[in-house]
Amino acid sequence: MCNAHTHNYDVLILGGGPAGIAAASAAAAPHTSVAIVDENPTLGGQIWRNSFAADVSDPAAHWYQRIQHSPITRLHDLRVFHAPSPGTLQAEAGNGLHTLHYKKLILATGARERFLPFPGWTLPNIMGAGALQNMVKSGLPITGKRIVIAGSGPLLIVVAAYLKKHHARVICICEQAPLRQLLPFAKGVITNTEKLSQALQYRLQLLTVPYRAGWWPAIARGQSQLETITVTDGARRYIIPCDYLACGFHLVPNIELPSLLGCSQSNGFVKVDTTQQTSIPGIYAAGEITGIGGLEKSILEGTIAGYSATGQSTAAQQLSAARSKSLRFASAMQRAFALRPELRRLPAPSTLVCRCEDVPHSHLVSHSSWRSAKLHTRCGMGSCQGRVCGTATEFLYGWPSESVRPPILPVRLQTLAQAEDPASQELSTAI
């Protein structure tokens, strides 16, 4: 029988990526209990996965040292699934239910890749760009493997450079955004010394890799696994033999928990003020959930949130100019990598849109809302809880997510049965 556990903190940070780590470091102070919660076994998030350790290069090593020498409680392998009352969260771990009480809450839940369905996209060896990078970090051998990278966003270039460094044969990078859409963003990078330096480094690493702006994946083919990918610019098509397709159409924020808490949103992101506070007093948000903007923005907003949550207003205000600059960069990035309307025509009638419940495109086009589709086809009711198909259907059919309700993640019935609050007991009984 698993046990129930209770925790009490002055400041609780959800998310162990760069934004959460920066927030925890800024919030750490004498006589203030600070905890950082993450569902992974180690801190670092997606960007510093398997590299957040003392022997890595900056900036990860710098933040590793700060966390190591700060009085911060680290709670790993906890998956928050419910917010039963103000100041309280419930999470599941291998040893049962954890109830987390807080005075201030900082949300740094990050983002995930957006996947768009096209014929053959469920074949083995087709995966997200970031997902393939993480698998290589975890030991997947790719030496000599032919890899096509496609979709949208700066992550494509970062992943391409990483895979090439690990001796993969990166055939090409296909960016769906047209060159005319990318040029204003590129000009902005040129005027930013730090980002220009990063861009030049990636360019040098990828000199032999073609970068095709205005191209996207159309059809994947193979018997037991991926063998070829057809790419198109809307007029021409090329068939490329390959072993892997790393494909992701930029990023979408993980806003399920902010939605459950009632935080106001705008254009799919959590709204915050200049102190990173949300519409709910005492709840702050930082990083990609306030706008996709990269590592620097995440660290900066996390630092401001940590300062603000612990009353260090002067320190937070000193970062306001840098914050404004990072927000301008994030807005430019969103414009540059906006998805083209042609991508809505990618799925064939038989193309699966919801992989968990095997729901094809033909079963969804007749519905007018996310709720209708869920009720009639079970789209979004599988193990991913709509995290993959939900963002796809929002783009394909214009269906916004209509509600978020607990549990926001799959949870064992035994864990629900341990919950003491009436809402969770009702939920457990209903399920």
Protein backbone atom coordinates (compact mmCIF):
# COMPACT_ATOMS: atom_id res chain seq x y z
CA MET A 1 0.00 0.00 0.00
CA CYS A 2 1.44 3.38 -1.04
CA ASN A 3 1.60 6.20 1.46
CA ALA A 4 0.39 9.79 1.24
CA HIS A 5 2.93 12.58 1.70
CA THR A 6 2.40 16.24 2.63
CA HIS A 7 4.78 19.14 1.92
CA ASN A 8 4.66 22.82 2.90
CA TYR A 9 6.72 25.56 1.23
CA ASP A 10 6.84 29.32 1.04
CA VAL A 11 7.64 29.19 -2.67
CA LEU A 12 6.90 26.23 -4.89
CA ILE A 13 8.29 26.10 -8.45
CA LEU A 14 6.76 23.73 -10.98
CA GLY A 15 9.17 22.75 -13.72
CA GLY A 16 12.87 21.88 -13.55
CA GLY A 17 13.96 23.46 -16.84
CA PRO A 18 15.97 26.69 -17.19
CA ALA A 19 13.07 28.95 -16.14
CA GLY A 20 12.32 26.88 -13.03
CA ILE A 21 15.98 26.57 -12.09
CA ALA A 22 16.49 30.33 -12.42
CA ALA A 23 13.34 31.00 -10.39
CA ALA A 24 14.44 28.68 -7.60
CA SER A 25 17.91 30.24 -7.50
CA ALA A 26 16.47 33.77 -7.30
CA ALA A 27 13.90 32.82 -4.66
CA ALA A 28 16.36 31.03 -2.38
CA ALA A 29 16.89 33.18 0.68
CA PRO A 30 17.31 32.75 4.44
CA HIS A 31 14.13 31.84 6.31
CA THR A 32 12.33 31.05 3.01
CA SER A 33 11.49 27.46 2.15
CA VAL A 34 11.77 26.88 -1.60
CA ALA A 35 11.07 23.69 -3.53
CA ILE A 36 11.32 22.84 -7.20
CA VAL A 37 9.14 20.04 -8.58
CA ASP A 38 9.74 18.14 -11.79
CA GLU A 39 8.36 14.96 -13.28
CA ASN A 40 11.79 13.82 -14.49
CA PRO A 41 14.44 12.03 -12.41
CA THR A 42 16.88 14.96 -12.78
CA LEU A 43 16.65 18.70 -13.32
CA GLY A 44 17.46 20.36 -16.64
CA GLY A 45 14.22 20.14 -18.59
CA GLN A 46 14.27 19.38 -22.29
CA ILE A 47 17.11 21.74 -23.16
CA TRP A 48 19.54 20.56 -20.48
CA ARG A 49 18.39 16.95 -20.33
CA ASN A 50 21.21 14.57 -19.34
CA SER A 51 23.67 17.49 -19.29
CA PHE A 52 22.74 19.38 -16.12
CA ALA A 53 25.78 18.38 -14.14
CA ALA A 54 28.92 19.93 -12.73
CA ASP A 55 31.17 18.88 -15.62
CA VAL A 56 29.24 20.49 -18.47
CA SER A 57 29.99 23.79 -20.14
CA ASP A 58 28.24 27.05 -19.36
CA PRO A 59 25.51 28.07 -18.94
CA ALA A 60 24.27 24.77 -17.52
CA ALA A 61 27.27 24.39 -15.18
CA HIS A 62 26.71 27.87 -13.72
CA TRP A 63 23.11 27.09 -12.82
CA TYR A 64 24.03 23.62 -11.57
CA GLN A 65 26.44 25.18 -9.11
CA ARG A 66 23.85 27.72 -7.93
CA ILE A 67 21.26 25.00 -7.31
CA GLN A 68 23.80 22.78 -5.56
CA HIS A 69 24.79 25.53 -3.12
CA SER A 70 21.29 26.85 -2.40
CA PRO A 71 18.89 25.64 0.31
CA ILE A 72 16.40 24.39 -2.26
CA THR A 73 14.38 21.20 -1.92
CA ARG A 74 14.29 19.19 -5.13
CA LEU A 75 11.32 16.92 -5.66
CA HIS A 76 11.84 14.63 -8.64
CA ASP A 77 9.51 12.19 -10.38
CA LEU A 78 6.38 14.05 -9.23
CA ARG A 79 3.56 14.59 -11.70
CA VAL A 80 1.11 17.30 -10.66
CA PHE A 81 -2.41 16.36 -11.73
CA HIS A 82 -4.82 18.46 -9.64
CA ALA A 83 -5.26 21.79 -7.84
CA PRO A 84 -8.05 20.98 -5.37
CA SER A 85 -8.01 24.31 -3.51
CA PRO A 86 -6.09 27.61 -3.41
CA GLY A 87 -2.56 27.06 -2.18
CA THR A 88 -2.67 23.29 -2.73
CA LEU A 89 -1.58 20.94 -5.50
CA GLN A 90 -1.69 17.18 -5.73
CA ALA A 91 0.95 15.10 -7.45
CA GLU A 92 1.62 11.44 -8.07
CA ALA A 93 4.91 9.63 -7.56
CA GLY A 94 5.95 6.01 -7.41
CA ASN A 95 5.35 6.02 -3.67
CA GLY A 96 1.84 7.44 -3.86
CA LEU A 97 0.05 10.75 -3.46
CA HIS A 98 1.93 13.94 -2.62
CA THR A 99 0.02 17.00 -1.41
CA LEU A 100 1.93 20.24 -1.93
CA HIS A 101 0.96 23.36 0.03
CA TYR A 102 2.45 26.71 -0.98
CA LYS A 103 2.23 30.42 -0.24
CA LYS A 104 3.60 31.48 -3.64
CA LEU A 105 3.62 29.41 -6.80
CA ILE A 106 5.85 29.82 -9.87
CA LEU A 107 4.75 27.98 -13.00
CA ALA A 108 7.59 27.06 -15.35
CA THR A 109 6.03 24.07 -17.10
CA GLY A 110 7.75 24.71 -20.43
CA ALA A 111 6.64 23.68 -23.88
CA ARG A 112 6.40 20.67 -26.12
CA GLU A 113 6.74 20.13 -29.84
CA ARG A 114 3.75 20.59 -32.10
CA PHE A 115 3.06 17.66 -34.39
CA LEU A 116 0.93 17.93 -37.51
CA PRO A 117 -0.40 14.77 -39.18
CA PHE A 118 0.49 13.86 -42.76
CA PRO A 119 0.28 10.52 -44.61
CA GLY A 120 2.72 8.07 -43.03
CA TRP A 121 3.61 10.21 -40.02
CA THR A 122 3.05 7.31 -37.61
CA LEU A 123 5.74 5.11 -39.18
CA PRO A 124 8.55 3.98 -36.85
CA ASN A 125 11.63 6.25 -36.96
CA ILE A 126 9.53 9.37 -37.43
CA MET A 127 9.72 11.44 -34.27
CA GLY A 128 9.91 14.97 -32.96
CA ALA A 129 13.15 16.84 -33.60
CA GLY A 130 13.68 17.39 -29.90
CA ALA A 131 12.63 13.82 -29.15
CA LEU A 132 15.31 12.40 -31.46
CA GLN A 133 17.91 14.65 -29.88
CA ASN A 134 16.91 13.43 -26.42
CA MET A 135 17.10 9.82 -27.53
CA VAL A 136 20.61 10.38 -28.84
CA LYS A 137 21.53 12.00 -25.52
CA SER A 138 20.23 8.84 -23.85
CA GLY A 139 22.41 6.57 -26.01
CA LEU A 140 20.66 5.98 -29.35
CA PRO A 141 23.41 5.31 -31.93
CA ILE A 142 23.04 7.43 -35.07
CA THR A 143 26.50 7.27 -36.64
CA GLY A 144 26.05 7.17 -40.39
CA LYS A 145 22.25 7.32 -40.21
CA ARG A 146 20.53 9.41 -42.90
CA ILE A 147 18.34 11.99 -41.20
CA VAL A 148 15.95 14.54 -42.67
CA ILE A 149 14.92 17.37 -40.35
CA ALA A 150 11.65 19.12 -41.15
CA GLY A 151 8.94 21.30 -39.68
CA SER A 152 9.44 24.78 -38.26
CA GLY A 153 11.38 26.77 -35.72
CA PRO A 154 14.97 27.38 -34.57
CA LEU A 155 14.98 23.98 -32.86
CA LEU A 156 15.47 22.34 -36.27
CA ILE A 157 18.88 23.98 -36.67
CA VAL A 158 19.92 23.22 -33.09
CA VAL A 159 18.99 19.54 -33.50
CA ALA A 160 20.67 19.31 -36.90
CA ALA A 161 23.94 20.62 -35.47
CA TYR A 162 23.74 18.22 -32.53
CA LEU A 163 23.05 15.19 -34.71
CA LYS A 164 25.79 16.08 -37.17
CA LYS A 165 28.22 16.47 -34.28
CA HIS A 166 27.32 12.89 -33.34
CA HIS A 167 28.20 11.69 -36.84
CA ALA A 168 24.73 11.42 -38.37
CA ARG A 169 24.29 12.16 -42.08
CA VAL A 170 21.93 15.13 -41.99
CA ILE A 171 20.49 15.17 -45.52
CA CYS A 172 18.67 18.50 -45.33
CA ILE A 173 16.65 20.87 -43.16
CA CYS A 174 13.17 21.70 -44.48
CA GLU A 175 11.66 24.80 -42.88
CA GLN A 176 8.01 25.38 -43.79
CA ALA A 177 8.22 29.17 -43.37
CA PRO A 178 9.04 30.98 -46.62
CA LEU A 179 12.26 32.95 -46.90
CA ARG A 180 10.44 36.30 -47.08
CA GLN A 181 8.88 35.51 -43.67
CA LEU A 182 12.22 34.55 -42.14
CA LEU A 183 14.26 37.53 -43.36
CA PRO A 184 12.98 40.13 -40.81
CA PHE A 185 13.76 37.68 -38.01
CA ALA A 186 17.23 37.03 -39.45
CA LYS A 187 17.91 40.78 -39.57
CA GLY A 188 16.96 41.00 -35.89
CA VAL A 189 19.43 38.23 -35.07
CA ILE A 190 22.19 40.12 -36.87
CA THR A 191 21.73 43.12 -34.58
CA ASN A 192 21.96 40.92 -31.46
CA THR A 193 25.62 40.15 -30.80
CA GLU A 194 25.02 37.07 -28.66
CA LYS A 195 22.45 35.51 -30.98
CA LEU A 196 24.52 36.37 -34.06
CA SER A 197 27.44 34.50 -32.53
CA GLN A 198 25.21 31.47 -31.91
CA ALA A 199 23.82 31.63 -35.45
CA LEU A 200 27.31 31.77 -36.97
CA GLN A 201 28.41 28.77 -34.91
CA TYR A 202 25.46 26.73 -36.15
CA ARG A 203 26.06 27.89 -39.71
CA LEU A 204 29.67 26.75 -39.58
CA GLN A 205 28.62 23.36 -38.24
CA LEU A 206 26.02 22.96 -40.98
CA LEU A 207 27.88 24.31 -44.01
CA THR A 208 27.33 21.08 -45.95
CA VAL A 209 23.65 20.69 -44.99
CA PRO A 210 21.08 22.28 -47.36
CA TYR A 211 18.55 24.57 -45.66
CA ARG A 212 15.33 24.69 -47.67
CA ALA A 213 13.01 27.51 -46.62
CA GLY A 214 9.42 27.09 -47.77
CA TRP A 215 9.52 23.26 -47.85
CA TRP A 216 7.66 20.79 -45.68
CA PRO A 217 7.03 17.01 -45.38
CA ALA A 218 4.15 15.66 -47.46
CA ILE A 219 4.26 11.84 -47.43
CA ALA A 220 6.32 9.29 -45.53
CA ARG A 221 6.63 5.77 -46.92
CA GLY A 222 8.06 2.50 -45.72
CA GLN A 223 7.16 -1.11 -44.97
CA SER A 224 8.01 -1.83 -41.33
CA GLN A 225 9.65 1.57 -40.76
CA LEU A 226 10.47 4.83 -42.51
CA GLU A 227 12.23 4.44 -45.85
CA THR A 228 11.54 7.67 -47.76
CA ILE A 229 10.09 11.09 -47.08
CA THR A 230 8.53 13.24 -49.79
CA VAL A 231 9.00 16.96 -49.28
CA THR A 232 7.27 19.75 -51.17
CA ASP A 233 7.17 23.49 -51.63
CA GLY A 234 3.60 23.33 -52.92
CA ALA A 235 4.66 23.06 -56.56
CA ARG A 236 7.58 20.62 -56.63
CA ARG A 237 8.18 17.35 -54.81
CA TYR A 238 11.32 15.44 -53.93
CA ILE A 239 11.55 11.90 -52.58
CA ILE A 240 14.43 11.52 -50.11
CA PRO A 241 15.61 8.11 -48.85
CA CYS A 242 16.33 8.32 -45.13
CA ASP A 243 16.56 6.36 -41.88
CA TYR A 244 14.97 8.97 -39.60
CA LEU A 245 12.69 11.96 -39.96
CA ALA A 246 12.99 14.47 -37.12
CA CYS A 247 9.88 16.59 -37.45
CA GLY A 248 8.28 19.24 -35.26
CA PHE A 249 6.29 22.35 -36.13
CA HIS A 250 7.71 24.75 -33.54
CA LEU A 251 6.57 24.61 -29.91
CA VAL A 252 3.34 24.90 -27.93
CA PRO A 253 3.20 25.82 -24.22
CA ASN A 254 2.22 23.35 -21.50
CA ILE A 255 -0.64 25.41 -20.10
CA GLU A 256 -2.89 22.66 -18.75
CA LEU A 257 -2.06 23.43 -15.11
CA PRO A 258 -2.28 27.24 -15.51
CA SER A 259 -5.67 26.69 -17.15
CA LEU A 260 -6.81 24.49 -14.27
CA LEU A 261 -5.71 27.17 -11.81
CA GLY A 262 -7.72 29.80 -13.69
CA CYS A 263 -4.82 31.91 -14.98
CA SER A 264 -5.88 34.26 -17.77
CA GLN A 265 -4.44 33.60 -21.22
CA SER A 266 -3.91 35.47 -24.47
CA ASN A 267 -3.17 33.87 -27.85
CA GLY A 268 -2.57 30.54 -26.16
CA PHE A 269 -0.08 31.80 -23.58
CA VAL A 270 -0.36 32.71 -19.90
CA LYS A 271 -0.77 36.45 -19.33
CA VAL A 272 1.63 38.01 -16.84
CA ASP A 273 2.49 41.53 -15.67
CA THR A 274 5.97 43.04 -15.48
CA THR A 275 6.71 41.03 -12.32
CA GLN A 276 5.67 37.76 -14.05
CA GLN A 277 2.58 37.53 -11.85
CA THR A 278 -0.47 35.96 -13.49
CA SER A 279 -4.08 37.08 -13.08
CA ILE A 280 -4.15 35.02 -9.86
CA PRO A 281 -2.38 36.87 -7.00
CA GLY A 282 0.58 34.90 -5.68
CA ILE A 283 0.91 32.77 -8.81
CA TYR A 284 3.71 33.62 -11.25
CA ALA A 285 4.62 32.20 -14.66
CA ALA A 286 7.91 32.15 -16.52
CA GLY A 287 9.47 30.73 -19.64
CA GLU A 288 7.79 29.26 -22.69
CA ILE A 289 4.29 29.27 -21.18
CA THR A 290 4.28 33.08 -21.41
CA GLY A 291 5.60 33.06 -24.99
CA ILE A 292 8.05 30.92 -26.95
CA GLY A 293 11.31 32.84 -26.77
CA GLY A 294 14.24 30.53 -26.11
CA LEU A 295 16.73 29.92 -23.34
CA GLU A 296 17.65 33.51 -22.51
CA LYS A 297 14.03 34.59 -22.11
CA SER A 298 13.28 31.59 -19.90
CA ILE A 299 16.20 32.26 -17.56
CA LEU A 300 15.41 35.97 -17.40
CA GLU A 301 11.70 35.49 -16.65
CA GLY A 302 12.43 32.77 -14.12
CA THR A 303 14.82 35.09 -12.30
CA ILE A 304 12.26 37.91 -12.24
CA ALA A 305 9.55 35.52 -10.99
CA GLY A 306 11.82 34.25 -8.21
CA TYR A 307 12.67 37.75 -7.10
CA SER A 308 9.06 38.93 -7.28
CA ALA A 309 7.68 35.95 -5.35
CA THR A 310 10.04 36.68 -2.46
CA GLY A 311 9.58 40.44 -2.31
CA GLN A 312 12.87 41.37 -3.99
CA SER A 313 11.17 44.01 -6.13
CA THR A 314 14.24 46.17 -6.74
CA ALA A 315 16.21 43.25 -8.14
CA ALA A 316 13.26 42.29 -10.34
CA GLN A 317 12.84 45.85 -11.66
CA GLN A 318 16.49 46.02 -12.66
CA LEU A 319 15.77 43.32 -15.25
CA SER A 320 12.83 45.12 -16.86
CA ALA A 321 14.79 46.43 -19.87
CA ALA A 322 16.22 43.01 -20.62
CA ARG A 323 12.75 41.53 -20.23
CA SER A 324 11.30 43.95 -22.79
CA LYS A 325 14.06 43.04 -25.24
CA SER A 326 13.41 39.32 -24.81
CA LEU A 327 9.68 39.83 -25.40
CA ARG A 328 10.38 41.65 -28.67
CA PHE A 329 12.56 38.76 -29.77
CA ALA A 330 9.84 36.25 -28.85
CA SER A 331 7.24 38.19 -30.86
CA ALA A 332 9.56 38.30 -33.87
CA MET A 333 10.11 34.56 -33.60
CA GLN A 334 6.38 33.86 -33.52
CA ARG A 335 5.86 35.92 -36.68
CA ALA A 336 8.79 34.31 -38.47
CA PHE A 337 7.72 30.74 -37.85
CA ALA A 338 3.95 31.14 -38.16
CA LEU A 339 2.47 28.08 -39.82
CA ARG A 340 1.45 28.37 -43.46
CA PRO A 341 -2.20 27.54 -44.34
CA GLU A 342 -1.16 24.83 -46.81
CA LEU A 343 -0.31 22.59 -43.87
CA ARG A 344 -4.01 22.27 -43.10
CA ARG A 345 -4.36 20.23 -46.28
CA LEU A 346 -1.67 17.71 -45.36
CA PRO A 347 -3.82 14.89 -43.90
CA ALA A 348 -5.44 12.40 -46.27
CA PRO A 349 -8.87 11.00 -45.25
CA SER A 350 -7.21 7.90 -43.76
CA THR A 351 -4.43 9.79 -41.95
CA LEU A 352 -4.62 9.26 -38.21
CA VAL A 353 -4.96 12.53 -36.30
CA CYS A 354 -5.41 10.99 -32.84
CA ARG A 355 -2.88 8.18 -32.55
CA CYS A 356 -3.96 7.09 -29.08
CA GLU A 357 -7.51 6.28 -30.18
CA ASP A 358 -6.83 5.63 -33.92
CA VAL A 359 -9.10 8.43 -35.13
CA PRO A 360 -8.56 9.37 -38.81
CA HIS A 361 -8.97 12.76 -40.43
CA SER A 362 -12.16 11.62 -42.21
CA HIS A 363 -13.92 11.05 -38.85
CA LEU A 364 -13.15 14.57 -37.64
CA VAL A 365 -13.83 16.94 -40.53
CA SER A 366 -17.61 16.78 -40.04
CA HIS A 367 -17.40 18.01 -36.43
CA SER A 368 -17.59 21.65 -35.45
CA SER A 369 -15.88 21.57 -32.06
CA TRP A 370 -13.35 19.75 -29.91
CA ARG A 371 -16.11 18.65 -27.56
CA SER A 372 -18.21 17.16 -30.37
CA ALA A 373 -15.22 15.27 -31.74
CA LYS A 374 -14.34 13.87 -28.31
CA LEU A 375 -17.89 12.70 -27.63
CA HIS A 376 -18.33 10.97 -30.97
CA THR A 377 -14.85 9.71 -31.84
CA ARG A 378 -12.87 9.66 -28.52
CA CYS A 379 -10.29 11.98 -30.13
CA GLY A 380 -8.14 13.38 -27.32
CA MET A 381 -9.26 10.82 -24.74
CA GLY A 382 -6.24 8.52 -24.95
CA SER A 383 -3.12 8.32 -22.83
CA CYS A 384 -1.67 11.66 -24.02
CA GLN A 385 -4.90 13.42 -22.97
CA GLY A 386 -4.99 15.47 -26.17
CA ARG A 387 -1.49 16.89 -25.83
CA VAL A 388 -0.62 15.74 -29.36
CA CYS A 389 -3.91 15.74 -31.24
CA GLY A 390 -5.31 18.75 -29.36
CA THR A 391 -2.78 21.19 -30.79
CA ALA A 392 -3.11 19.54 -34.21
CA THR A 393 -6.90 19.83 -34.31
CA GLU A 394 -6.74 23.43 -33.13
CA PHE A 395 -4.61 24.26 -36.18
CA LEU A 396 -6.35 21.95 -38.66
CA TYR A 397 -9.97 22.68 -37.77
CA GLY A 398 -9.83 25.82 -35.65
CA TRP A 399 -11.05 24.09 -32.49
CA PRO A 400 -9.86 25.77 -29.31
CA SER A 401 -9.64 23.62 -26.21
CA GLU A 402 -12.90 24.24 -24.38
CA SER A 403 -11.99 23.17 -20.87
CA VAL A 404 -9.37 21.61 -18.65
CA ARG A 405 -10.40 19.38 -15.78
CA PRO A 406 -8.57 17.13 -13.35
CA PRO A 407 -6.73 14.92 -13.55
CA ILE A 408 -4.67 16.73 -16.19
CA LEU A 409 -2.45 13.66 -16.48
CA PRO A 410 -3.22 9.93 -16.34
CA VAL A 411 -3.22 8.90 -12.69
CA ARG A 412 -3.57 5.56 -10.90
CA LEU A 413 -6.91 4.98 -9.20
CA GLN A 414 -5.02 4.10 -6.03
CA THR A 415 -3.52 7.61 -5.98
CA LEU A 416 -6.93 9.22 -6.45
CA ALA A 417 -8.33 7.10 -3.66
CA GLN A 418 -5.68 8.49 -1.30
CA ALA A 419 -6.75 12.08 -1.88
CA GLU A 420 -8.56 13.55 1.10
CA ASP A 421 -10.31 16.52 -0.51
CA PRO A 422 -13.93 16.08 -1.66
CA ALA A 423 -13.18 17.02 -5.26
CA SER A 424 -10.63 14.26 -5.66
CA GLN A 425 -12.83 11.75 -3.87
CA GLU A 426 -15.66 12.55 -6.26
CA LEU A 427 -13.26 12.26 -9.17
CA SER A 428 -12.02 8.90 -7.96
CA THR A 429 -15.56 7.64 -7.52
CA ALA A 430 -16.65 8.89 -10.94
CA ILE A 431 -13.73 7.20 -12.65
